[in-house]
N, C-alpha and C. Protein backbone atom coordinates (compact mmCIF):
# COMPACT_ATOMS: atom_id res chain seq x y z
N MET A 1 74.23 -24.91 52.53
CA MET A 1 72.92 -24.64 51.93
C MET A 1 72.85 -23.17 51.50
N SER A 2 72.31 -22.87 50.33
CA SER A 2 72.26 -21.50 49.84
C SER A 2 71.24 -20.68 50.61
N VAL A 3 71.39 -19.37 50.53
CA VAL A 3 70.48 -18.44 51.22
C VAL A 3 69.05 -18.62 50.70
N PHE A 4 68.91 -18.77 49.37
CA PHE A 4 67.57 -18.92 48.79
C PHE A 4 66.87 -20.17 49.30
N ARG A 5 67.64 -21.26 49.43
CA ARG A 5 67.05 -22.51 49.89
C ARG A 5 66.62 -22.40 51.35
N LYS A 6 67.44 -21.66 52.16
CA LYS A 6 67.09 -21.46 53.57
C LYS A 6 65.78 -20.68 53.69
N ILE A 7 65.63 -19.65 52.84
CA ILE A 7 64.44 -18.79 52.91
C ILE A 7 63.20 -19.49 52.37
N PHE A 8 63.33 -20.07 51.17
CA PHE A 8 62.15 -20.63 50.50
C PHE A 8 61.97 -22.12 50.73
N GLY A 9 62.96 -22.79 51.30
CA GLY A 9 62.86 -24.23 51.53
C GLY A 9 63.23 -25.00 50.28
N SER A 10 63.61 -26.24 50.45
CA SER A 10 64.00 -27.06 49.30
C SER A 10 62.83 -27.90 48.83
N ILE A 11 62.88 -28.31 47.59
CA ILE A 11 61.84 -29.16 47.03
C ILE A 11 62.23 -30.60 47.29
N SER A 12 61.34 -31.32 47.93
CA SER A 12 61.63 -32.72 48.27
C SER A 12 61.65 -33.58 47.03
N LYS A 13 62.24 -34.76 47.16
CA LYS A 13 62.31 -35.72 46.03
C LYS A 13 60.91 -36.10 45.57
N THR A 14 60.00 -36.31 46.53
CA THR A 14 58.61 -36.68 46.21
C THR A 14 57.93 -35.57 45.41
N GLU A 15 58.14 -34.32 45.86
CA GLU A 15 57.54 -33.19 45.15
C GLU A 15 58.08 -33.07 43.73
N LYS A 16 59.39 -33.32 43.58
CA LYS A 16 60.01 -33.26 42.25
C LYS A 16 59.40 -34.31 41.33
N GLU A 17 59.23 -35.53 41.85
CA GLU A 17 58.65 -36.62 41.05
C GLU A 17 57.21 -36.31 40.67
N HIS A 18 56.46 -35.74 41.64
CA HIS A 18 55.06 -35.37 41.37
C HIS A 18 54.98 -34.32 40.27
N GLN A 19 55.88 -33.31 40.36
CA GLN A 19 55.91 -32.25 39.35
C GLN A 19 56.26 -32.80 37.98
N LYS A 20 57.23 -33.74 37.94
CA LYS A 20 57.65 -34.36 36.68
C LYS A 20 56.49 -35.10 36.04
N LYS A 21 55.69 -35.82 36.88
CA LYS A 21 54.54 -36.57 36.37
C LYS A 21 53.50 -35.62 35.79
N GLU A 22 53.26 -34.51 36.49
CA GLU A 22 52.29 -33.52 36.01
C GLU A 22 52.72 -32.95 34.67
N ASP A 23 54.02 -32.62 34.57
CA ASP A 23 54.55 -32.09 33.31
C ASP A 23 54.40 -33.10 32.18
N GLU A 24 54.67 -34.37 32.47
CA GLU A 24 54.53 -35.43 31.46
C GLU A 24 53.08 -35.58 31.02
N ASN A 25 52.16 -35.52 31.99
CA ASN A 25 50.73 -35.66 31.67
C ASN A 25 50.27 -34.50 30.80
N THR A 26 50.72 -33.29 31.13
CA THR A 26 50.36 -32.12 30.33
C THR A 26 50.85 -32.29 28.90
N PHE A 27 52.10 -32.77 28.77
CA PHE A 27 52.68 -32.99 27.45
C PHE A 27 51.89 -34.03 26.66
N LEU A 28 51.49 -35.12 27.33
CA LEU A 28 50.74 -36.18 26.67
C LEU A 28 49.39 -35.70 26.18
N ILE A 29 48.73 -34.86 26.99
CA ILE A 29 47.42 -34.32 26.60
C ILE A 29 47.57 -33.50 25.32
N LYS A 30 48.61 -32.67 25.29
CA LYS A 30 48.84 -31.84 24.11
C LYS A 30 49.20 -32.70 22.90
N LYS A 31 50.05 -33.68 23.14
CA LYS A 31 50.53 -34.54 22.04
C LYS A 31 49.40 -35.36 21.44
N ASP A 32 48.49 -35.84 22.30
CA ASP A 32 47.42 -36.72 21.84
C ASP A 32 46.16 -36.00 21.38
N THR A 33 46.16 -34.66 21.46
CA THR A 33 44.99 -33.91 21.03
C THR A 33 44.78 -34.10 19.53
N PRO A 34 43.54 -34.47 19.10
CA PRO A 34 43.27 -34.63 17.67
C PRO A 34 43.60 -33.35 16.91
N ILE A 35 44.06 -33.50 15.66
CA ILE A 35 44.52 -32.31 14.93
C ILE A 35 43.40 -31.31 14.67
N ASP A 36 42.15 -31.79 14.51
CA ASP A 36 41.05 -30.84 14.28
C ASP A 36 40.78 -30.00 15.53
N GLU A 37 40.85 -30.65 16.69
CA GLU A 37 40.66 -29.94 17.95
C GLU A 37 41.81 -28.97 18.21
N SER A 38 43.03 -29.42 17.93
CA SER A 38 44.21 -28.58 18.11
C SER A 38 44.12 -27.35 17.20
N PHE A 39 43.70 -27.56 15.95
CA PHE A 39 43.56 -26.43 15.02
C PHE A 39 42.56 -25.42 15.55
N THR A 40 41.40 -25.91 16.01
CA THR A 40 40.35 -25.03 16.51
C THR A 40 40.84 -24.18 17.67
N ILE A 41 41.54 -24.80 18.60
CA ILE A 41 42.07 -24.08 19.77
C ILE A 41 43.04 -22.98 19.34
N LYS A 42 44.01 -23.36 18.50
CA LYS A 42 45.02 -22.40 18.05
C LYS A 42 44.41 -21.28 17.19
N PHE A 43 43.46 -21.66 16.33
CA PHE A 43 42.80 -20.70 15.45
C PHE A 43 42.05 -19.65 16.29
N ASN A 44 41.34 -20.11 17.31
CA ASN A 44 40.63 -19.18 18.19
C ASN A 44 41.60 -18.30 18.97
N GLU A 45 42.71 -18.88 19.41
CA GLU A 45 43.74 -18.09 20.12
C GLU A 45 44.29 -16.99 19.23
N ASN A 46 44.36 -17.26 17.93
CA ASN A 46 44.87 -16.27 16.97
C ASN A 46 43.85 -15.17 16.66
N GLY A 47 42.62 -15.34 17.18
CA GLY A 47 41.59 -14.33 16.98
C GLY A 47 40.60 -14.63 15.87
N GLY A 48 40.66 -15.84 15.30
CA GLY A 48 39.74 -16.21 14.22
C GLY A 48 38.35 -16.55 14.73
N LYS A 49 37.37 -16.44 13.84
CA LYS A 49 35.98 -16.78 14.18
C LYS A 49 35.62 -18.05 13.42
N PHE A 50 35.28 -19.08 14.17
CA PHE A 50 35.13 -20.43 13.63
C PHE A 50 33.67 -20.88 13.63
N LEU A 51 33.20 -21.36 12.48
CA LEU A 51 31.83 -21.86 12.37
C LEU A 51 31.86 -23.26 11.73
N TYR A 52 31.45 -24.25 12.52
CA TYR A 52 31.46 -25.64 12.05
C TYR A 52 30.14 -25.92 11.34
N CYS A 53 30.22 -26.53 10.15
CA CYS A 53 29.02 -26.82 9.35
C CYS A 53 28.96 -28.31 9.02
N GLU A 54 27.82 -28.92 9.29
CA GLU A 54 27.65 -30.35 9.00
C GLU A 54 27.30 -30.61 7.54
N ASN A 55 26.73 -29.62 6.87
CA ASN A 55 26.35 -29.78 5.46
C ASN A 55 26.38 -28.41 4.76
N ILE A 56 26.21 -28.45 3.45
CA ILE A 56 26.33 -27.21 2.66
C ILE A 56 25.22 -26.22 2.99
N ASP A 57 24.05 -26.73 3.40
CA ASP A 57 22.95 -25.83 3.78
C ASP A 57 23.35 -24.96 4.97
N GLU A 58 24.08 -25.55 5.92
CA GLU A 58 24.54 -24.79 7.07
C GLU A 58 25.59 -23.76 6.66
N VAL A 59 26.39 -24.10 5.65
CA VAL A 59 27.38 -23.14 5.14
C VAL A 59 26.65 -21.90 4.61
N TYR A 60 25.61 -22.13 3.80
CA TYR A 60 24.81 -21.03 3.25
C TYR A 60 24.18 -20.21 4.37
N ASP A 61 23.63 -20.91 5.37
CA ASP A 61 22.96 -20.25 6.49
C ASP A 61 23.94 -19.37 7.26
N PHE A 62 25.09 -19.92 7.63
CA PHE A 62 26.08 -19.16 8.38
C PHE A 62 26.65 -18.00 7.56
N LEU A 63 26.83 -18.23 6.28
CA LEU A 63 27.33 -17.16 5.40
C LEU A 63 26.36 -15.98 5.41
N GLY A 64 25.07 -16.30 5.31
CA GLY A 64 24.04 -15.25 5.35
C GLY A 64 24.06 -14.50 6.67
N ARG A 65 24.27 -15.22 7.76
CA ARG A 65 24.30 -14.59 9.09
C ARG A 65 25.51 -13.67 9.25
N ILE A 66 26.64 -14.10 8.69
CA ILE A 66 27.85 -13.27 8.77
C ILE A 66 27.62 -11.94 8.05
N LEU A 67 27.02 -12.02 6.86
CA LEU A 67 26.76 -10.80 6.08
C LEU A 67 25.79 -9.88 6.81
N GLU A 68 24.77 -10.49 7.40
CA GLU A 68 23.76 -9.71 8.12
C GLU A 68 24.36 -9.06 9.38
N GLU A 69 25.09 -9.83 10.13
CA GLU A 69 25.68 -9.35 11.38
C GLU A 69 26.63 -8.17 11.16
N ASN A 70 27.39 -8.24 10.05
CA ASN A 70 28.38 -7.19 9.76
C ASN A 70 27.86 -6.11 8.82
N ARG A 71 26.60 -6.23 8.42
CA ARG A 71 25.99 -5.29 7.48
C ARG A 71 26.75 -5.25 6.15
N TRP A 72 27.05 -6.46 5.66
CA TRP A 72 27.78 -6.59 4.39
C TRP A 72 26.87 -6.98 3.23
N LYS A 73 25.57 -7.04 3.47
CA LYS A 73 24.66 -7.52 2.42
C LYS A 73 24.68 -6.64 1.17
N GLU A 74 24.85 -5.36 1.39
CA GLU A 74 24.88 -4.44 0.25
C GLU A 74 26.30 -4.24 -0.29
N LYS A 75 27.28 -4.86 0.38
CA LYS A 75 28.68 -4.74 -0.06
C LYS A 75 29.01 -5.83 -1.08
N SER A 76 30.14 -5.68 -1.75
CA SER A 76 30.55 -6.67 -2.75
C SER A 76 31.58 -7.64 -2.18
N ALA A 77 31.37 -8.92 -2.49
CA ALA A 77 32.33 -9.95 -2.09
C ALA A 77 33.36 -10.10 -3.20
N LEU A 78 34.63 -10.02 -2.84
CA LEU A 78 35.70 -10.26 -3.80
C LEU A 78 35.91 -11.78 -3.90
N VAL A 79 35.63 -12.33 -5.08
CA VAL A 79 35.80 -13.78 -5.29
C VAL A 79 36.73 -13.97 -6.48
N LEU A 80 37.95 -14.41 -6.20
CA LEU A 80 38.95 -14.56 -7.25
C LEU A 80 39.03 -15.98 -7.81
N ASN A 81 38.40 -16.92 -7.13
CA ASN A 81 38.42 -18.33 -7.55
C ASN A 81 37.16 -18.65 -8.33
N SER A 82 37.30 -18.99 -9.62
CA SER A 82 36.13 -19.21 -10.49
C SER A 82 35.30 -20.42 -10.05
N ASN A 83 35.96 -21.48 -9.56
CA ASN A 83 35.22 -22.66 -9.09
C ASN A 83 34.35 -22.33 -7.88
N LEU A 84 34.88 -21.51 -7.00
CA LEU A 84 34.13 -21.10 -5.81
C LEU A 84 32.93 -20.23 -6.21
N LYS A 85 33.16 -19.38 -7.20
CA LYS A 85 32.08 -18.52 -7.68
C LYS A 85 30.93 -19.35 -8.24
N LYS A 86 31.26 -20.41 -8.98
CA LYS A 86 30.23 -21.30 -9.53
C LYS A 86 29.48 -22.03 -8.43
N ARG A 87 30.22 -22.48 -7.42
CA ARG A 87 29.60 -23.25 -6.33
C ARG A 87 28.59 -22.42 -5.55
N PHE A 88 28.84 -21.11 -5.45
CA PHE A 88 27.95 -20.24 -4.68
C PHE A 88 27.17 -19.29 -5.59
N LYS A 89 26.94 -19.70 -6.83
CA LYS A 89 26.26 -18.82 -7.79
C LYS A 89 24.80 -18.55 -7.41
N ASP A 90 24.20 -19.46 -6.64
CA ASP A 90 22.80 -19.28 -6.25
C ASP A 90 22.64 -18.47 -4.97
N PHE A 91 23.76 -18.11 -4.35
CA PHE A 91 23.67 -17.33 -3.12
C PHE A 91 23.36 -15.88 -3.47
N ASP A 92 22.50 -15.28 -2.68
CA ASP A 92 22.02 -13.92 -2.95
C ASP A 92 23.00 -12.87 -2.43
N TRP A 93 23.93 -12.45 -3.30
CA TRP A 93 24.89 -11.42 -2.93
C TRP A 93 25.54 -10.82 -4.15
N ASN A 94 26.30 -9.76 -3.94
CA ASN A 94 27.03 -9.11 -5.03
C ASN A 94 28.48 -9.59 -4.99
N THR A 95 29.00 -9.97 -6.14
CA THR A 95 30.40 -10.40 -6.20
C THR A 95 31.16 -9.56 -7.23
N THR A 96 32.45 -9.52 -7.05
CA THR A 96 33.33 -8.79 -7.96
C THR A 96 34.66 -9.51 -8.06
N GLU A 97 35.38 -9.25 -9.16
CA GLU A 97 36.74 -9.77 -9.30
C GLU A 97 37.75 -8.63 -9.26
N VAL A 98 37.25 -7.42 -9.02
CA VAL A 98 38.11 -6.23 -8.93
C VAL A 98 38.44 -5.99 -7.47
N VAL A 99 39.73 -6.11 -7.14
CA VAL A 99 40.17 -6.05 -5.75
C VAL A 99 39.67 -4.80 -5.02
N ASN A 100 39.79 -3.65 -5.65
CA ASN A 100 39.42 -2.40 -4.98
C ASN A 100 37.91 -2.26 -4.75
N ASP A 101 37.13 -3.08 -5.45
CA ASP A 101 35.66 -3.02 -5.29
C ASP A 101 35.15 -3.98 -4.22
N GLY A 102 36.00 -4.88 -3.75
CA GLY A 102 35.58 -5.89 -2.78
C GLY A 102 35.70 -5.40 -1.35
N HIS A 103 34.60 -5.52 -0.60
CA HIS A 103 34.63 -5.13 0.81
C HIS A 103 35.20 -6.26 1.67
N PHE A 104 34.98 -7.50 1.22
CA PHE A 104 35.56 -8.66 1.91
C PHE A 104 35.91 -9.71 0.88
N LEU A 105 36.89 -10.54 1.21
CA LEU A 105 37.30 -11.62 0.32
C LEU A 105 36.62 -12.91 0.74
N PHE A 106 35.96 -13.56 -0.22
CA PHE A 106 35.40 -14.89 0.01
C PHE A 106 36.29 -15.87 -0.74
N THR A 107 36.89 -16.81 -0.02
CA THR A 107 37.89 -17.67 -0.65
C THR A 107 37.93 -19.07 -0.03
N THR A 108 38.59 -19.94 -0.73
CA THR A 108 38.92 -21.26 -0.17
C THR A 108 40.35 -21.12 0.38
N CYS A 109 40.97 -22.25 0.69
CA CYS A 109 42.38 -22.23 1.09
C CYS A 109 43.01 -23.54 0.64
N GLU A 110 44.31 -23.65 0.82
CA GLU A 110 44.99 -24.90 0.49
C GLU A 110 44.86 -25.88 1.66
N TYR A 111 45.28 -25.43 2.84
CA TYR A 111 45.23 -26.28 4.03
C TYR A 111 45.03 -25.43 5.29
N LEU A 112 44.55 -26.09 6.33
CA LEU A 112 44.44 -25.51 7.66
C LEU A 112 45.53 -26.16 8.52
N ILE A 113 46.37 -25.37 9.14
CA ILE A 113 47.54 -25.90 9.85
C ILE A 113 47.24 -26.03 11.35
N SER A 114 47.27 -27.28 11.82
CA SER A 114 46.86 -27.58 13.19
C SER A 114 47.78 -27.02 14.26
N ASN A 115 49.10 -27.12 14.05
CA ASN A 115 50.00 -26.80 15.17
C ASN A 115 50.15 -25.32 15.47
N ASP A 116 49.68 -24.44 14.55
CA ASP A 116 49.72 -23.01 14.90
C ASP A 116 48.42 -22.27 14.54
N GLY A 117 47.40 -23.00 14.07
CA GLY A 117 46.11 -22.38 13.80
C GLY A 117 46.11 -21.43 12.62
N SER A 118 47.04 -21.61 11.69
CA SER A 118 47.13 -20.71 10.53
C SER A 118 46.41 -21.30 9.32
N ILE A 119 46.28 -20.47 8.29
CA ILE A 119 45.61 -20.88 7.05
C ILE A 119 46.61 -20.72 5.90
N LEU A 120 46.81 -21.81 5.16
CA LEU A 120 47.77 -21.82 4.06
C LEU A 120 47.03 -21.54 2.75
N ILE A 121 47.44 -20.49 2.05
CA ILE A 121 46.80 -20.12 0.79
C ILE A 121 47.86 -19.96 -0.30
N SER A 122 47.37 -19.83 -1.53
CA SER A 122 48.30 -19.70 -2.66
C SER A 122 47.65 -18.84 -3.74
N SER A 123 48.30 -18.82 -4.90
CA SER A 123 47.77 -18.05 -6.04
C SER A 123 46.42 -18.58 -6.51
N LYS A 124 46.07 -19.81 -6.16
CA LYS A 124 44.75 -20.36 -6.52
C LYS A 124 43.63 -19.58 -5.82
N GLN A 125 43.95 -19.03 -4.67
CA GLN A 125 42.94 -18.28 -3.91
C GLN A 125 43.08 -16.76 -4.07
N ILE A 126 44.31 -16.27 -4.10
CA ILE A 126 44.50 -14.81 -4.08
C ILE A 126 45.28 -14.29 -5.29
N ALA A 127 45.37 -15.13 -6.33
CA ALA A 127 46.13 -14.77 -7.54
C ALA A 127 47.55 -14.37 -7.13
N GLU A 128 48.05 -13.28 -7.65
CA GLU A 128 49.40 -12.84 -7.29
C GLU A 128 49.37 -11.63 -6.35
N LYS A 129 48.23 -11.44 -5.71
CA LYS A 129 48.09 -10.31 -4.80
C LYS A 129 48.80 -10.56 -3.47
N LYS A 130 49.35 -9.51 -2.89
CA LYS A 130 49.91 -9.59 -1.55
C LYS A 130 48.76 -9.46 -0.56
N LEU A 131 48.96 -10.01 0.63
CA LEU A 131 47.89 -9.97 1.63
C LEU A 131 47.46 -8.54 1.95
N ASN A 132 48.42 -7.62 2.00
CA ASN A 132 48.05 -6.24 2.36
C ASN A 132 47.35 -5.49 1.23
N GLU A 133 47.25 -6.13 0.04
CA GLU A 133 46.51 -5.52 -1.07
C GLU A 133 45.04 -5.97 -1.05
N LEU A 134 44.74 -6.96 -0.25
CA LEU A 134 43.40 -7.53 -0.19
C LEU A 134 42.59 -6.89 0.93
N PRO A 135 41.25 -7.03 0.88
CA PRO A 135 40.43 -6.46 1.96
C PRO A 135 40.84 -6.99 3.33
N LYS A 136 40.55 -6.23 4.37
CA LYS A 136 40.91 -6.68 5.72
C LYS A 136 39.95 -7.75 6.23
N ASN A 137 38.79 -7.89 5.59
CA ASN A 137 37.80 -8.88 6.00
C ASN A 137 37.86 -10.10 5.08
N PHE A 138 38.00 -11.28 5.69
CA PHE A 138 38.06 -12.54 4.95
C PHE A 138 36.95 -13.48 5.45
N ILE A 139 36.33 -14.20 4.50
CA ILE A 139 35.50 -15.35 4.85
C ILE A 139 36.11 -16.53 4.09
N VAL A 140 36.59 -17.52 4.83
CA VAL A 140 37.25 -18.67 4.22
C VAL A 140 36.33 -19.90 4.31
N PHE A 141 36.13 -20.56 3.18
CA PHE A 141 35.36 -21.78 3.12
C PHE A 141 36.33 -22.96 2.97
N ALA A 142 36.31 -23.88 3.94
CA ALA A 142 37.23 -25.02 3.91
C ALA A 142 36.52 -26.26 4.41
N THR A 143 37.19 -27.41 4.28
CA THR A 143 36.62 -28.68 4.73
C THR A 143 37.55 -29.32 5.76
N THR A 144 36.98 -30.21 6.56
CA THR A 144 37.77 -30.86 7.62
C THR A 144 38.93 -31.69 7.06
N SER A 145 38.79 -32.18 5.83
CA SER A 145 39.87 -32.98 5.23
C SER A 145 41.09 -32.14 4.88
N GLN A 146 40.97 -30.82 4.95
CA GLN A 146 42.09 -29.93 4.64
C GLN A 146 42.96 -29.63 5.87
N ILE A 147 42.61 -30.17 7.02
CA ILE A 147 43.40 -29.94 8.22
C ILE A 147 44.61 -30.87 8.23
N VAL A 148 45.79 -30.29 8.34
CA VAL A 148 47.03 -31.07 8.45
C VAL A 148 47.81 -30.58 9.67
N GLN A 149 48.78 -31.36 10.10
CA GLN A 149 49.51 -31.05 11.33
C GLN A 149 50.43 -29.84 11.18
N THR A 150 51.23 -29.82 10.11
CA THR A 150 52.26 -28.78 9.98
C THR A 150 52.23 -28.11 8.61
N ILE A 151 52.91 -26.98 8.51
CA ILE A 151 53.04 -26.28 7.23
C ILE A 151 53.76 -27.18 6.23
N GLY A 152 54.76 -27.94 6.70
CA GLY A 152 55.49 -28.86 5.83
C GLY A 152 54.56 -29.86 5.16
N GLU A 153 53.63 -30.41 5.92
CA GLU A 153 52.65 -31.35 5.34
C GLU A 153 51.79 -30.65 4.31
N GLY A 154 51.42 -29.41 4.60
CA GLY A 154 50.61 -28.64 3.65
C GLY A 154 51.35 -28.38 2.36
N LEU A 155 52.61 -28.01 2.46
CA LEU A 155 53.41 -27.76 1.26
C LEU A 155 53.60 -29.03 0.44
N HIS A 156 53.80 -30.14 1.14
CA HIS A 156 53.93 -31.43 0.47
C HIS A 156 52.63 -31.77 -0.26
N GLY A 157 51.49 -31.48 0.39
CA GLY A 157 50.19 -31.74 -0.22
C GLY A 157 49.95 -30.90 -1.46
N ILE A 158 50.35 -29.64 -1.41
CA ILE A 158 50.22 -28.76 -2.57
C ILE A 158 51.02 -29.31 -3.74
N LYS A 159 52.24 -29.73 -3.45
CA LYS A 159 53.13 -30.27 -4.49
C LYS A 159 52.55 -31.56 -5.09
N ALA A 160 52.00 -32.42 -4.22
CA ALA A 160 51.45 -33.70 -4.69
C ALA A 160 50.21 -33.51 -5.55
N LYS A 161 49.39 -32.51 -5.23
CA LYS A 161 48.15 -32.27 -5.97
C LYS A 161 48.37 -31.50 -7.27
N ASN A 162 49.49 -30.82 -7.36
CA ASN A 162 49.72 -29.94 -8.52
C ASN A 162 51.08 -30.22 -9.15
N LYS A 163 51.30 -31.48 -9.52
CA LYS A 163 52.61 -31.90 -10.03
C LYS A 163 53.04 -31.13 -11.28
N LYS A 164 52.09 -30.86 -12.16
CA LYS A 164 52.43 -30.21 -13.42
C LYS A 164 52.45 -28.68 -13.33
N ASN A 165 51.64 -28.16 -12.38
CA ASN A 165 51.53 -26.70 -12.30
C ASN A 165 51.40 -26.26 -10.84
N ILE A 166 52.54 -26.22 -10.14
CA ILE A 166 52.53 -25.87 -8.72
C ILE A 166 52.18 -24.38 -8.58
N PRO A 167 51.18 -24.06 -7.74
CA PRO A 167 50.80 -22.66 -7.58
C PRO A 167 51.91 -21.82 -6.95
N THR A 168 51.86 -20.54 -7.24
CA THR A 168 52.84 -19.60 -6.68
C THR A 168 52.19 -18.83 -5.52
N ASN A 169 52.89 -17.84 -5.03
CA ASN A 169 52.36 -16.94 -4.00
C ASN A 169 51.82 -17.70 -2.78
N ILE A 170 52.54 -18.73 -2.37
CA ILE A 170 52.12 -19.54 -1.22
C ILE A 170 52.48 -18.81 0.07
N THR A 171 51.49 -18.63 0.94
CA THR A 171 51.71 -17.91 2.18
C THR A 171 50.72 -18.39 3.24
N THR A 172 50.94 -17.98 4.48
CA THR A 172 50.00 -18.32 5.55
C THR A 172 49.43 -17.06 6.17
N ILE A 173 48.21 -17.18 6.66
CA ILE A 173 47.60 -16.12 7.46
C ILE A 173 47.47 -16.69 8.86
N LYS A 174 47.98 -15.94 9.82
CA LYS A 174 47.96 -16.45 11.19
C LYS A 174 47.34 -15.48 12.18
N HIS A 175 47.34 -14.21 11.87
CA HIS A 175 46.84 -13.20 12.81
C HIS A 175 45.47 -12.70 12.33
N PHE A 176 44.49 -12.86 13.20
CA PHE A 176 43.11 -12.53 12.82
C PHE A 176 42.51 -11.43 13.69
N LYS A 177 43.36 -10.55 14.19
CA LYS A 177 42.88 -9.40 14.97
C LYS A 177 43.34 -8.15 14.25
N VAL A 178 42.40 -7.38 13.74
CA VAL A 178 42.74 -6.19 12.98
C VAL A 178 42.56 -4.96 13.86
N ALA A 179 43.52 -4.04 13.79
CA ALA A 179 43.41 -2.79 14.54
C ALA A 179 42.20 -2.01 14.06
N GLU A 180 41.44 -1.46 15.00
CA GLU A 180 40.22 -0.72 14.64
C GLU A 180 40.54 0.53 13.84
N ASP A 181 41.62 1.19 14.18
CA ASP A 181 41.99 2.41 13.47
C ASP A 181 43.11 2.13 12.50
N ASP A 182 42.91 2.51 11.26
CA ASP A 182 43.97 2.36 10.26
C ASP A 182 44.94 3.54 10.42
N ASN A 183 46.16 3.25 10.76
CA ASN A 183 47.15 4.31 10.85
C ASN A 183 48.48 3.80 10.33
N PHE A 184 49.51 4.63 10.39
CA PHE A 184 50.79 4.23 9.80
C PHE A 184 51.38 3.01 10.47
N LEU A 185 51.00 2.73 11.72
CA LEU A 185 51.53 1.55 12.42
C LEU A 185 50.93 0.26 11.87
N SER A 186 49.70 0.33 11.35
CA SER A 186 49.06 -0.88 10.83
C SER A 186 49.19 -1.01 9.31
N TYR A 187 49.82 0.01 8.67
CA TYR A 187 49.97 -0.04 7.21
C TYR A 187 50.81 -1.24 6.79
N GLY A 188 50.30 -1.99 5.80
CA GLY A 188 51.04 -3.15 5.30
C GLY A 188 50.86 -4.40 6.15
N SER A 189 50.01 -4.32 7.17
CA SER A 189 49.81 -5.47 8.05
C SER A 189 49.07 -6.58 7.31
N SER A 190 49.42 -7.84 7.61
CA SER A 190 48.74 -8.97 6.99
C SER A 190 47.67 -9.56 7.91
N SER A 191 47.37 -8.86 9.03
CA SER A 191 46.31 -9.32 9.92
C SER A 191 44.96 -9.16 9.22
N LYS A 192 44.08 -10.14 9.46
CA LYS A 192 42.78 -10.11 8.81
C LYS A 192 41.66 -10.40 9.82
N ASN A 193 40.55 -9.74 9.62
CA ASN A 193 39.33 -10.07 10.36
C ASN A 193 38.73 -11.27 9.65
N LEU A 194 38.90 -12.47 10.22
CA LEU A 194 38.65 -13.68 9.43
C LEU A 194 37.61 -14.61 10.05
N TYR A 195 36.65 -15.01 9.21
CA TYR A 195 35.67 -16.03 9.54
C TYR A 195 36.03 -17.31 8.79
N LEU A 196 35.90 -18.44 9.47
CA LEU A 196 36.14 -19.73 8.82
C LEU A 196 34.87 -20.57 8.84
N LEU A 197 34.37 -20.90 7.65
CA LEU A 197 33.24 -21.81 7.50
C LEU A 197 33.83 -23.18 7.21
N LEU A 198 33.78 -24.06 8.21
CA LEU A 198 34.43 -25.38 8.08
C LEU A 198 33.38 -26.47 7.88
N LEU A 199 33.38 -27.04 6.68
CA LEU A 199 32.41 -28.08 6.32
C LEU A 199 32.95 -29.47 6.62
N GLU A 200 32.16 -30.27 7.31
CA GLU A 200 32.54 -31.65 7.63
C GLU A 200 32.46 -32.49 6.35
N ASP A 201 33.58 -33.12 5.98
CA ASP A 201 33.57 -33.97 4.78
C ASP A 201 34.28 -35.29 5.03
N LEU A 202 34.49 -35.65 6.29
CA LEU A 202 35.17 -36.91 6.61
C LEU A 202 34.19 -37.92 7.22
């Protein structure tokens, strides 16, 4: 018998079986978790701020609260997607298409990725801009039908929806904790202070 086993004792067969069952149960819970719930958990772990909306009125309400809470009412929202701009044309705020004039980016996304809580975007949302060229503050408007299990599913979905003109600049945002002080260590970082307005559409 080894010295370690003499000191700490051996694990009995019953204990081993019990541990195996516990491990299997933990795995099953994770495996069977609905993708929307899994996305929410991972997204929050990544530092994102999540707001669930049952209807478009709640989206407007929460959007107003975000602006008020952060004192962004007098700031300009960078909106690069023309369809999104039309959809929110009645909202009381200032918008711009000039990147340097935008205090925060208001955008849609391609998909929400359940297994790592990331957000998949493309040139449809951010044109050909790199993430570090965009404001550090993001407000993303998405729907529950955009949640998929993996990045692979998201890429397949993009290809299926855009057969004739596949968007470029496809990337994911996964880190939603921004350093308070901008210094050379945070230069070029793709981390974003991100709010997600998730509208139920299923």
